[in-house]
Every structure is written in C-alpha cells, then in structure tokens.
Amino acid sequence: MTGVGRRYTHLSECEYEEEDQKADEVMDENTLDPHEALAMLKALEAPVAPVETMIEDSVPVPGRYQGNLLIRLPYVWDYDLDEETFRNILAGRVALGRLDRDWAAVRLIDFAPYREIVRLLGFRDLLDGWPRWRDRIRSPGRRRGIDFLAWYLPERRPDLLVGR
C-alpha cells in the first residue's frame, strides 16, 4: 500500500492496521443499538404541545408586571409605554404628543405578528385606516400582505368585516 488515501501516512503498515482496528472498535462502541434507535424514533413521534402553548406557558404576558418589573410590548420596546396605555392610544382615547392612533396602528402593523394586529385592530378598523397608514409602513412585505387583505376581505369574506 502506497499511503495514498490512508489516514496515517506516517505509520508503518503494522501500525496502520492497529490504528485502523482501534478506530473500528470505537465505531462499534458508538454504534446505536437497534432497540435504542427504535425507542428514540418513538419518542420523536410522540405528540408535542403546539408552539403557541409552549410560548404561553413560558413567556410572561407583555405589558403587565412580573414582580416589580414592567414587561413591555415588543413592538414598543423603545417607548416608556405599558400595554394599557398603548391600547388606549390605538383606540384613539389618548394621544401623547405625536403618539396618536395613526402612530400606534403603524407601529403595530410594522412590528407585531399578524395575529396580534388582527386581535388589537380587528379587520374592519384595519381596512378603514389602511389608506392613511399604507405609505408609512416600512416593510414592503407587510404592505403587500395588508393590500391583499384590503382586496380579499371585502370580495371574499365580507362577513369578517361586520361588527366591532
């Protein structure tokens, strides 16, 4: 053997065979027993709680106090606002300088998850205010998404615009 393709080119043929045998023994020790592999597969197939449930169980509710610390809403992290104040601004009941309903809606649409946007604004208010807010949204993807809703909901799901 010429040493090409061998792991240990500096070893003699005898030393090479010893090293190769040691490597095979280590491989045998690290090989997974078929019963262990089956048990691992069954564990992987076991039902897992939905991610939302795991998050709800582990993350404190934003905008509320945990101990003596105020937990801020993630989309207004850079403002000294709690959840109640933000909701009042979003509802148009309160304005703090330039922080008005339009600011709150744009901030929500820009940074909050879709479910949170719909939960706090509702489809009807979202579509009513969309012409005012559209040009202030930073993300082209968010704009396209809400543009689609503005077309889709009145055309295909007008039942979702009733109420509120």
Protein backbone atom coordinates (compact mmCIF):
# COMPACT_ATOMS: atom_id res chain seq x y z
CA MET A 1 0.00 0.00 0.00
CA THR A 2 1.40 3.37 -1.01
CA GLY A 3 -0.14 5.59 1.62
CA VAL A 4 -2.46 7.39 -0.76
CA GLY A 5 -5.89 7.59 0.85
CA ARG A 6 -4.59 6.33 4.17
CA ARG A 7 -5.38 8.24 7.33
CA TYR A 8 -1.97 7.80 8.88
CA THR A 9 0.69 8.20 6.19
CA HIS A 10 3.49 8.43 8.75
CA LEU A 11 2.75 4.94 10.18
CA SER A 12 4.16 1.62 9.10
CA GLU A 13 1.79 -0.97 7.67
CA CYS A 14 1.57 -2.78 11.03
CA GLU A 15 0.95 0.44 12.98
CA TYR A 16 -1.62 1.47 10.41
CA GLU A 17 -3.56 -1.77 10.87
CA GLU A 18 -3.51 -1.32 14.68
CA GLU A 19 -4.85 2.24 14.39
CA ASP A 20 -7.48 1.08 11.93
CA GLN A 21 -8.59 -1.68 14.32
CA LYS A 22 -8.83 0.83 17.21
CA ALA A 23 -10.96 3.10 15.04
CA ASP A 24 -13.27 0.18 14.20
CA GLU A 25 -13.63 -0.65 17.91
CA VAL A 26 -14.58 2.95 18.70
CA MET A 27 -17.12 2.87 15.86
CA ASP A 28 -18.62 -0.31 17.30
CA GLU A 29 -18.90 1.30 20.75
CA ASN A 30 -20.63 4.37 19.31
CA THR A 31 -22.98 2.45 17.05
CA LEU A 32 -26.57 2.78 18.16
CA ASP A 33 -28.30 -0.37 19.29
CA PRO A 34 -31.38 -1.06 17.09
CA HIS A 35 -33.64 -1.13 20.17
CA GLU A 36 -32.29 2.25 21.29
CA ALA A 37 -32.82 3.65 17.80
CA LEU A 38 -36.43 2.43 17.78
CA ALA A 39 -37.06 3.95 21.21
CA MET A 40 -35.65 7.28 20.01
CA LEU A 41 -37.88 7.21 16.93
CA LYS A 42 -40.95 6.51 19.05
CA ALA A 43 -40.04 9.42 21.33
CA LEU A 44 -39.77 11.69 18.30
CA GLU A 45 -43.19 10.58 17.06
CA ALA A 46 -44.85 11.36 20.40
CA PRO A 47 -47.29 14.28 20.27
CA VAL A 48 -45.76 17.62 21.18
CA ALA A 49 -47.63 20.64 22.50
CA PRO A 50 -48.16 23.37 19.91
CA VAL A 51 -45.56 26.12 19.93
CA GLU A 52 -48.17 28.68 20.98
CA THR A 53 -48.93 26.63 24.10
CA MET A 54 -45.26 26.30 24.98
CA ILE A 55 -44.74 30.04 24.50
CA GLU A 56 -47.86 30.93 26.51
CA ASP A 57 -46.67 28.71 29.33
CA SER A 58 -43.15 30.13 29.41
CA VAL A 59 -43.39 33.80 28.44
CA PRO A 60 -44.95 36.40 30.72
CA VAL A 61 -47.82 38.43 29.26
CA PRO A 62 -46.37 41.58 27.67
CA GLY A 63 -47.32 44.95 29.12
CA ARG A 64 -48.02 43.62 32.58
CA TYR A 65 -45.94 43.47 35.70
CA GLN A 66 -43.86 40.48 36.59
CA GLY A 67 -42.72 41.02 40.14
CA ASN A 68 -41.96 44.74 40.20
CA LEU A 69 -40.74 44.91 36.58
CA LEU A 70 -42.93 46.21 33.79
CA ILE A 71 -42.94 43.81 30.85
CA ARG A 72 -43.07 45.92 27.68
CA LEU A 73 -44.82 45.11 24.44
CA PRO A 74 -42.15 44.01 21.96
CA TYR A 75 -43.30 46.43 19.27
CA VAL A 76 -42.96 49.49 21.52
CA TRP A 77 -39.72 48.45 23.21
CA ASP A 78 -38.17 51.89 22.72
CA TYR A 79 -41.02 53.82 24.38
CA ASP A 80 -41.97 54.00 28.04
CA LEU A 81 -45.48 52.63 27.43
CA ASP A 82 -47.31 49.83 29.10
CA GLU A 83 -49.90 47.68 27.33
CA GLU A 84 -52.90 49.61 28.67
CA THR A 85 -51.53 52.97 27.51
CA PHE A 86 -50.69 51.56 24.07
CA ARG A 87 -54.20 50.11 23.72
CA ASN A 88 -55.73 53.46 24.71
CA ILE A 89 -53.62 55.24 22.09
CA LEU A 90 -54.54 52.60 19.50
CA ALA A 91 -58.23 53.01 20.32
CA GLY A 92 -57.94 56.79 19.91
CA ARG A 93 -58.88 57.52 23.55
CA VAL A 94 -55.47 59.05 24.36
CA ALA A 95 -52.77 60.92 22.44
CA LEU A 96 -49.33 61.65 23.88
CA GLY A 97 -47.82 64.35 21.69
CA ARG A 98 -47.21 62.78 18.29
CA LEU A 99 -48.10 59.35 19.65
CA ASP A 100 -51.65 59.11 18.34
CA ARG A 101 -53.87 56.40 16.89
CA ASP A 102 -52.17 56.50 13.49
CA TRP A 103 -48.72 56.15 15.09
CA ALA A 104 -49.89 53.19 17.19
CA ALA A 105 -51.51 51.44 14.23
CA VAL A 106 -48.44 51.89 12.03
CA ARG A 107 -46.20 50.66 14.84
CA LEU A 108 -48.43 47.63 15.36
CA ILE A 109 -48.59 46.77 11.65
CA ASP A 110 -44.84 47.25 11.22
CA PHE A 111 -43.66 45.15 14.15
CA ALA A 112 -46.39 42.94 15.64
CA PRO A 113 -47.25 39.43 14.47
CA TYR A 114 -50.28 39.13 12.20
CA ARG A 115 -52.49 37.58 14.91
CA GLU A 116 -51.72 40.45 17.26
CA ILE A 117 -52.57 43.02 14.57
CA VAL A 118 -55.95 41.40 13.93
CA ARG A 119 -56.63 40.89 17.64
CA LEU A 120 -55.94 44.52 18.58
CA LEU A 121 -57.25 46.32 15.50
CA GLY A 122 -59.75 43.93 14.00
CA PHE A 123 -60.28 43.53 10.26
CA ARG A 124 -62.74 46.39 9.94
CA ASP A 125 -60.57 49.04 11.65
CA LEU A 126 -57.52 47.74 9.80
CA LEU A 127 -59.18 48.21 6.42
CA ASP A 128 -60.75 51.56 7.39
CA GLY A 129 -57.40 53.04 8.40
CA TRP A 130 -55.26 51.31 5.77
CA PRO A 131 -55.33 54.16 3.19
CA ARG A 132 -53.90 56.54 5.85
CA TRP A 133 -51.30 54.09 7.16
CA ARG A 134 -50.13 52.33 3.99
CA ASP A 135 -47.39 54.76 2.96
CA ARG A 136 -45.92 54.81 6.47
CA ILE A 137 -45.35 51.03 6.65
CA ARG A 138 -41.65 50.22 6.23
CA SER A 139 -41.87 46.61 5.14
CA PRO A 140 -42.86 46.01 1.51
CA GLY A 141 -43.98 42.50 2.50
CA ARG A 142 -46.31 43.85 5.17
CA ARG A 143 -47.72 46.38 2.69
CA ARG A 144 -48.37 43.64 0.13
CA GLY A 145 -49.98 41.46 2.79
CA ILE A 146 -52.37 44.15 4.01
CA ASP A 147 -53.04 45.21 0.39
CA PHE A 148 -54.12 41.63 -0.24
CA LEU A 149 -56.40 41.71 2.82
CA ALA A 150 -57.86 45.02 1.65
CA TRP A 151 -58.82 43.33 -1.61
CA TYR A 152 -59.68 39.86 -0.32
CA LEU A 153 -61.86 40.58 2.71
CA PRO A 154 -64.49 42.77 1.01
CA GLU A 155 -64.56 40.50 -2.06
CA ARG A 156 -64.48 37.04 -0.49
CA ARG A 157 -65.11 37.36 3.26
CA PRO A 158 -67.32 40.38 3.96
CA ASP A 159 -68.67 38.51 6.98
CA LEU A 160 -65.36 39.22 8.77
CA LEU A 161 -65.92 42.99 8.43
CA VAL A 162 -69.21 43.02 10.34
CA GLY A 163 -69.21 44.32 13.91
CA ARG A 164 -66.62 45.98 16.03
